[in-house]
Every structure is written in C-alpha cells, then in structure tokens.
Amino acid sequence: MRDRVGRLAVLLAIVAISSLAGGCDRFLAGRADRLAPYAQYYAPPAGGRAPLVILASGCGGLVGPNGPNRVMNNYAEAAARAGAYAIIVDSFQPRGIDRAAAIRSVCTGIRLGGSTRAGDIVAGGELARRHWGDRFTGVILAGWSHGGWAVMQVLTAGPRTKLIGDLRVDVPQAAQKPDAVVLYYPYCGALNDAMRNPKWAFKGPLLLVTAELDTIGPAKKCLPLLTRAMGDASGIRNVDFPGMTHAFDEETQSPGSKFVYNRAVAAQSEKVFSDFIAQQVARLH
C-alpha cells in the first residue's frame, strides 16, 4: 500500500511538472524561450537603428523534404538588403512538427491555427529585442499563406489585448501595433477571425501580394476583407501576378501539389517586397 501511494505521489508530481512546463509558453518569456533555438536573424549591412521585419512562413514550414525550404530566407535577405532587421519565426520545429505532419495537419486546419502562430509572431518581437536590443525604429509584420493568416490574427486581436491565441501578454508589445504589414496570398477563409467583421486599429501601409490562379488567398477574396477591416482601401497596395498559383515563389513543393514555382516571377516578387521594405525604412528612420 505504501509503495502504491509512493508511486502515485511520484506520478502526480511528474504530471504537475509536465503541466507547468507545458504552460510556460503561454507567457511571453516562455514562448520566446521555446522558439529561440530555431529563430533566424538577419541584420542590415549598415547596422544602426532601423525597422524590424518579423516573417512567418506558410503551413509547410521552413524544412522541405530534401533540406531547408529557403523561401523565407530569400525574403529575409531582401529585407536586410533594404536596410531592415529581420527575424524568421519557426512555429513548427519547436513543436516537433516536421514537413509531412505540417502538410497533413497544419495545412488542413487540424492543428496549430493562425491564433497560436499569432502569439509566435509577437514572441518573435521579444526574441529580436533579446538579440539586438532596443534599436528598432518600427515593426513590420510579414506573413505568407498560413503565416499571413497569423499576421491577420495579430491585427484582429488589436494593440490592447492581453490574450493572443493562447499567449498571455501583460505588457503591450510593438508587434501588436505594427507600422506596416506585408501579406502574401494569405488564407482569408472562415477560420480567419477577420471574417467576423472586426475593425482594425491598423490602417496601413499594407502590401498584399496575390496570384491570379490562387484559390486560397486570391485578391477577390482578400482585398474586400482587408478593406472592410481597415475601413477603406487607401492604405492597401495590391500586386497581383497574372497566371501564377498559390506559393508561386516557393521552390520547395510537395509531390503532387498543384502549386507551381516560377523562378522569374519569384525574383520580381522579391523586388516588390524589397522596395516596400526600403520605403518603410525611409519612412520610419
């Protein structure tokens, strides 16, 4: 009996410790700690004070079937060349989600929704502050597809909320009130809280990049949603690439995918992105 009680006490202690550890990332410092090993940092050549770009990838993550999926690296490098700091926030590897699991469960909406990743974006701002200190002249949020959904969840939650997804934020963070936003073919479907007619505090500037043949984040679906959320379209610039599919700029595609990578258009897209970031660097310096 005594041995049974002792084993039960040990089991309860393990459960309590596991619960506490699992709950640590519900607060900003703990979430940042969890994401830290996989964050990637890019600095502008000149250093000094400049805006920060926080990048959130699509649902396939940052690792492809044959190595790194470099689409986010390409844009982060473009941001740095344009004079900004950039951090790529990985929501997948810290949670043990490989590409196969991401395609199977994240891309289908079964797990790791935009609200949870919105908390990761806010924690990315804390990671950048830890890495570079307080040298940022502004914050730019940039999200691709599922990551665009996550950015929109940040904007829907607003600058004063203390709960972003399952993340508790007791002191408002700079990422909650961004100075500019970039959305690449974002998911604008029913799971996106922006569909519920919120009015954002954010009014622009916003760069929306879409693809003519996309069915997930086409301009005809996302542009009216963004216009409603922001009050009007004056702060929105939409660049729609004709003949392109969703994820046209992502070289790493899954077998059987209907998405088609186009190297030339991807280069054009990176130029559009870089020019927008350079404009924000000049505006916010």
Protein backbone atom coordinates (compact mmCIF):
# COMPACT_ATOMS: atom_id res chain seq x y z
CA MET A 1 0.00 0.00 0.00
CA ARG A 2 2.77 2.40 0.97
CA ASP A 3 4.63 1.61 -2.28
CA ARG A 4 1.45 2.24 -4.26
CA VAL A 5 0.92 5.59 -2.54
CA GLY A 6 4.54 6.49 -3.16
CA ARG A 7 4.27 5.65 -6.86
CA LEU A 8 1.07 7.66 -7.11
CA ALA A 9 2.75 10.66 -5.49
CA VAL A 10 5.64 10.45 -7.94
CA LEU A 11 3.21 10.17 -10.87
CA LEU A 12 1.23 13.20 -9.69
CA ALA A 13 4.45 15.18 -9.31
CA ILE A 14 5.51 14.29 -12.84
CA VAL A 15 2.11 15.32 -14.20
CA ALA A 16 2.26 18.60 -12.26
CA ILE A 17 5.76 19.38 -13.53
CA SER A 18 4.76 18.48 -17.10
CA SER A 19 1.70 20.70 -16.89
CA LEU A 20 3.76 23.58 -15.57
CA ALA A 21 6.36 23.13 -18.29
CA GLY A 22 3.66 22.90 -20.95
CA GLY A 23 2.08 26.09 -19.63
CA CYS A 24 5.29 28.13 -19.59
CA ASP A 25 4.97 29.02 -23.26
CA ARG A 26 1.58 30.59 -22.59
CA PHE A 27 3.51 33.61 -21.34
CA LEU A 28 5.73 35.80 -23.50
CA ALA A 29 9.10 34.88 -21.96
CA GLY A 30 8.33 31.15 -22.09
CA ARG A 31 7.09 31.30 -25.69
CA ALA A 32 10.21 33.18 -26.72
CA ASP A 33 12.38 30.59 -24.95
CA ARG A 34 10.61 27.80 -26.83
CA LEU A 35 11.03 29.43 -30.22
CA ALA A 36 14.58 30.72 -29.65
CA PRO A 37 16.59 27.67 -30.85
CA TYR A 38 15.04 27.85 -34.32
CA ALA A 39 14.78 31.60 -34.93
CA GLN A 40 16.90 33.03 -37.76
CA TYR A 41 18.30 36.56 -37.69
CA TYR A 42 19.33 38.95 -40.48
CA ALA A 43 20.85 42.40 -39.96
CA PRO A 44 21.19 45.27 -42.45
CA PRO A 45 24.76 45.86 -43.68
CA ALA A 46 24.91 49.31 -42.09
CA GLY A 47 23.58 48.18 -38.71
CA GLY A 48 22.38 51.03 -36.51
CA ARG A 49 18.75 51.88 -35.89
CA ALA A 50 16.22 50.53 -38.39
CA PRO A 51 12.82 48.82 -38.53
CA LEU A 52 12.36 45.14 -37.69
CA VAL A 53 10.60 42.73 -40.07
CA ILE A 54 9.04 39.63 -38.45
CA LEU A 55 8.48 36.90 -41.05
CA ALA A 56 6.01 34.00 -40.68
CA SER A 57 6.07 31.19 -43.24
CA GLY A 58 3.31 29.20 -44.86
CA CYS A 59 1.92 25.98 -43.40
CA GLY A 60 4.67 23.78 -44.84
CA GLY A 61 7.28 25.28 -42.53
CA LEU A 62 10.95 26.00 -43.06
CA VAL A 63 12.22 22.50 -43.83
CA GLY A 64 11.44 20.71 -47.09
CA PRO A 65 11.65 17.01 -47.98
CA ASN A 66 15.27 17.38 -49.12
CA GLY A 67 16.61 20.13 -46.86
CA PRO A 68 15.83 23.73 -45.95
CA ASN A 69 12.84 25.43 -47.54
CA ARG A 70 14.53 28.74 -48.35
CA VAL A 71 11.61 30.92 -49.40
CA MET A 72 11.62 32.81 -46.08
CA ASN A 73 15.40 33.16 -46.18
CA ASN A 74 15.14 34.78 -49.61
CA TYR A 75 12.75 37.42 -48.31
CA ALA A 76 14.65 37.95 -45.05
CA GLU A 77 17.82 38.58 -47.05
CA ALA A 78 15.88 41.01 -49.25
CA ALA A 79 14.64 42.84 -46.13
CA ALA A 80 18.19 43.13 -44.79
CA ARG A 81 19.48 44.47 -48.12
CA ALA A 82 16.69 47.04 -47.99
CA GLY A 83 18.03 48.28 -44.66
CA ALA A 84 15.88 46.45 -42.11
CA TYR A 85 16.49 43.88 -39.42
CA ALA A 86 14.64 40.61 -39.99
CA ILE A 87 13.75 37.59 -37.89
CA ILE A 88 12.20 34.38 -39.24
CA VAL A 89 9.94 32.80 -36.63
CA ASP A 90 9.59 29.00 -36.87
CA SER A 91 6.35 27.68 -35.36
CA PHE A 92 6.92 24.09 -36.44
CA GLN A 93 10.26 22.65 -35.35
CA PRO A 94 9.90 23.88 -31.74
CA ARG A 95 6.68 21.83 -31.56
CA GLY A 96 8.17 18.74 -33.22
CA ILE A 97 6.14 19.19 -36.40
CA ASP A 98 8.04 18.01 -39.48
CA ARG A 99 7.01 18.84 -43.04
CA ALA A 100 4.92 15.70 -43.52
CA ALA A 101 2.99 16.40 -40.31
CA ALA A 102 2.64 20.06 -41.24
CA ILE A 103 1.16 19.26 -44.66
CA ARG A 104 -1.12 16.65 -43.13
CA SER A 105 -2.39 18.55 -40.10
CA VAL A 106 -1.47 22.26 -40.19
CA CYS A 107 -2.31 22.92 -43.84
CA THR A 108 -5.65 21.16 -43.35
CA GLY A 109 -6.54 23.24 -40.28
CA ILE A 110 -6.48 20.33 -37.82
CA ARG A 111 -3.79 21.79 -35.56
CA LEU A 112 -1.70 24.92 -34.98
CA GLY A 113 -4.12 27.54 -36.21
CA GLY A 114 -3.46 31.17 -37.00
CA SER A 115 -4.24 32.33 -33.47
CA THR A 116 -1.46 30.22 -31.95
CA ARG A 117 1.00 31.37 -34.59
CA ALA A 118 -0.08 34.97 -33.94
CA GLY A 119 1.35 34.50 -30.45
CA ASP A 120 4.57 33.23 -32.03
CA ILE A 121 4.82 36.41 -34.11
CA VAL A 122 4.52 38.57 -31.01
CA ALA A 123 7.13 36.41 -29.27
CA GLY A 124 9.35 36.90 -32.32
CA GLY A 125 9.49 40.60 -31.48
CA GLU A 126 10.71 39.70 -27.99
CA LEU A 127 13.38 37.39 -29.46
CA ALA A 128 14.60 40.17 -31.76
CA ARG A 129 14.82 42.55 -28.80
CA ARG A 130 16.89 39.99 -26.88
CA HIS A 131 19.17 39.50 -29.88
CA TRP A 132 19.71 43.11 -30.98
CA GLY A 133 18.50 45.25 -28.08
CA ASP A 134 16.20 48.26 -28.41
CA ARG A 135 17.39 49.59 -31.76
CA PHE A 136 14.21 49.25 -33.83
CA THR A 137 12.54 52.30 -35.31
CA GLY A 138 9.37 50.36 -36.11
CA VAL A 139 7.94 46.89 -36.72
CA ILE A 140 6.76 45.33 -39.99
CA LEU A 141 4.81 42.08 -39.91
CA ALA A 142 5.11 39.83 -42.97
CA GLY A 143 3.25 36.56 -43.46
CA TRP A 144 2.88 34.03 -46.26
CA SER A 145 -0.33 31.99 -46.66
CA HIS A 146 -0.91 30.40 -43.22
CA GLY A 147 1.58 32.91 -41.82
CA GLY A 148 -0.48 35.69 -43.41
CA TRP A 149 -3.48 34.36 -41.52
CA ALA A 150 -1.40 34.55 -38.33
CA VAL A 151 -0.48 38.18 -39.05
CA MET A 152 -4.15 38.99 -39.61
CA GLN A 153 -4.96 37.36 -36.26
CA VAL A 154 -2.49 39.75 -34.59
CA LEU A 155 -4.25 42.69 -36.22
CA THR A 156 -7.68 41.37 -35.31
CA ALA A 157 -6.66 40.90 -31.67
CA GLY A 158 -5.54 44.53 -31.63
CA PRO A 159 -2.91 46.53 -29.75
CA ARG A 160 -4.55 46.43 -26.31
CA THR A 161 -5.47 42.77 -25.94
CA LYS A 162 -3.73 40.69 -23.27
CA LEU A 163 -4.53 37.37 -24.92
CA ILE A 164 -3.33 36.47 -28.42
CA GLY A 165 -4.41 32.93 -29.14
CA ASP A 166 -3.19 31.05 -26.07
CA LEU A 167 -0.41 33.56 -25.34
CA ARG A 168 -0.78 35.89 -22.34
CA VAL A 169 0.70 39.35 -22.96
CA ASP A 170 0.58 41.54 -19.87
CA VAL A 171 2.54 44.45 -21.37
CA PRO A 172 1.61 45.54 -24.92
CA GLN A 173 4.26 44.57 -27.46
CA ALA A 174 5.43 46.51 -30.51
CA ALA A 175 4.31 43.67 -32.80
CA GLN A 176 0.72 44.27 -31.69
CA LYS A 177 0.79 47.74 -33.24
CA PRO A 178 2.87 47.32 -36.39
CA ASP A 179 3.94 50.23 -38.58
CA ALA A 180 3.45 48.28 -41.81
CA VAL A 181 2.24 44.86 -42.94
CA VAL A 182 3.02 42.51 -45.83
CA LEU A 183 0.61 39.70 -46.72
CA TYR A 184 1.43 37.12 -49.37
CA TYR A 185 -1.60 35.18 -50.64
CA PRO A 186 -2.95 34.95 -47.04
CA TYR A 187 -5.62 32.48 -46.00
CA CYS A 188 -8.84 34.54 -45.97
CA GLY A 189 -11.28 31.72 -45.18
CA ALA A 190 -13.83 31.05 -42.45
CA LEU A 191 -11.28 30.19 -39.73
CA ASN A 192 -9.73 33.65 -40.01
CA ASP A 193 -11.24 35.84 -37.28
CA ALA A 194 -11.03 38.83 -39.61
CA MET A 195 -14.05 37.29 -41.38
CA ARG A 196 -16.19 38.28 -38.39
CA ASN A 197 -16.25 41.95 -39.41
CA PRO A 198 -13.74 43.43 -36.93
CA LYS A 199 -12.37 46.93 -37.36
CA TRP A 200 -8.59 47.03 -37.07
CA ALA A 201 -6.64 49.75 -35.32
CA PHE A 202 -4.06 49.23 -38.08
CA LYS A 203 -4.74 51.38 -41.16
CA GLY A 204 -1.66 50.74 -43.33
CA PRO A 205 0.54 50.79 -45.23
CA LEU A 206 -0.17 47.23 -46.28
CA LEU A 207 1.32 45.33 -49.22
CA LEU A 208 -0.93 42.50 -50.44
CA VAL A 209 0.70 40.15 -52.96
CA THR A 210 -1.68 37.75 -54.68
CA ALA A 211 -1.72 35.31 -57.59
CA GLU A 212 -4.33 35.25 -60.33
CA LEU A 213 -4.88 31.47 -60.23
CA ASP A 214 -4.84 31.15 -56.44
CA THR A 215 -7.92 29.72 -54.72
CA ILE A 216 -6.71 30.12 -51.10
CA GLY A 217 -5.77 33.79 -50.89
CA PRO A 218 -6.91 35.44 -54.12
CA ALA A 219 -7.30 39.19 -54.40
CA LYS A 220 -11.06 38.91 -54.98
CA LYS A 221 -11.45 37.30 -51.54
CA CYS A 222 -8.75 39.04 -49.50
CA LEU A 223 -8.96 42.59 -50.80
CA PRO A 224 -12.61 43.15 -49.72
CA LEU A 225 -11.83 41.58 -46.34
CA LEU A 226 -8.84 43.85 -45.77
CA THR A 227 -10.73 46.91 -47.00
CA ARG A 228 -13.53 46.22 -44.52
CA ALA A 229 -11.14 45.59 -41.62
CA MET A 230 -9.14 48.77 -42.31
CA GLY A 231 -12.13 50.95 -43.12
CA ASP A 232 -11.10 51.64 -46.73
CA ALA A 233 -8.53 50.60 -49.31
CA SER A 234 -6.38 53.73 -49.16
CA GLY A 235 -3.60 52.05 -47.16
CA ILE A 236 -3.50 48.92 -49.32
CA ARG A 237 -1.29 48.22 -52.30
CA ASN A 238 -2.23 45.02 -54.15
CA VAL A 239 0.20 43.39 -56.57
CA ASP A 240 -1.48 40.51 -58.39
CA PHE A 241 0.76 38.28 -60.51
CA PRO A 242 -1.08 37.02 -63.63
CA GLY A 243 -1.02 33.31 -64.42
CA MET A 244 0.50 32.40 -61.04
CA THR A 245 -0.70 29.88 -58.45
CA HIS A 246 -0.56 29.95 -54.68
CA ALA A 247 3.05 29.74 -53.40
CA PHE A 248 4.48 30.65 -56.82
CA ASP A 249 7.63 31.91 -55.04
CA GLU A 250 8.30 28.70 -53.11
CA GLU A 251 10.74 26.37 -54.85
CA THR A 252 10.10 23.53 -52.36
CA GLN A 253 6.77 21.96 -53.34
CA SER A 254 5.21 18.70 -52.18
CA PRO A 255 4.82 15.85 -54.69
CA GLY A 256 1.50 16.12 -56.48
CA SER A 257 0.99 19.75 -55.46
CA LYS A 258 -0.95 21.97 -57.84
CA PHE A 259 1.19 24.94 -56.81
CA VAL A 260 3.78 25.88 -59.42
CA TYR A 261 7.06 27.64 -58.64
CA ASN A 262 8.13 30.32 -61.09
CA ARG A 263 11.71 31.49 -60.64
CA ALA A 264 11.38 34.67 -62.72
CA VAL A 265 8.19 35.82 -61.02
CA ALA A 266 9.63 34.92 -57.63
CA ALA A 267 12.51 37.29 -58.36
CA GLN A 268 10.03 40.02 -59.34
CA SER A 269 8.13 39.38 -56.13
CA GLU A 270 11.26 39.69 -54.00
CA LYS A 271 11.92 43.04 -55.71
CA VAL A 272 8.39 44.23 -54.90
CA PHE A 273 8.94 43.16 -51.28
CA SER A 274 12.38 44.75 -51.06
CA ASP A 275 11.13 48.04 -52.49
CA PHE A 276 8.26 48.14 -49.99
CA ILE A 277 10.62 47.45 -47.07
CA ALA A 278 13.02 50.14 -48.31
CA GLN A 279 10.14 52.62 -48.38
CA GLN A 280 9.27 51.76 -44.79
CA VAL A 281 12.92 52.05 -43.72
CA ALA A 282 13.00 55.57 -45.17
CA ARG A 283 9.64 56.46 -43.60
CA LEU A 284 10.45 55.09 -40.14
CA HIS A 285 14.10 56.07 -39.79
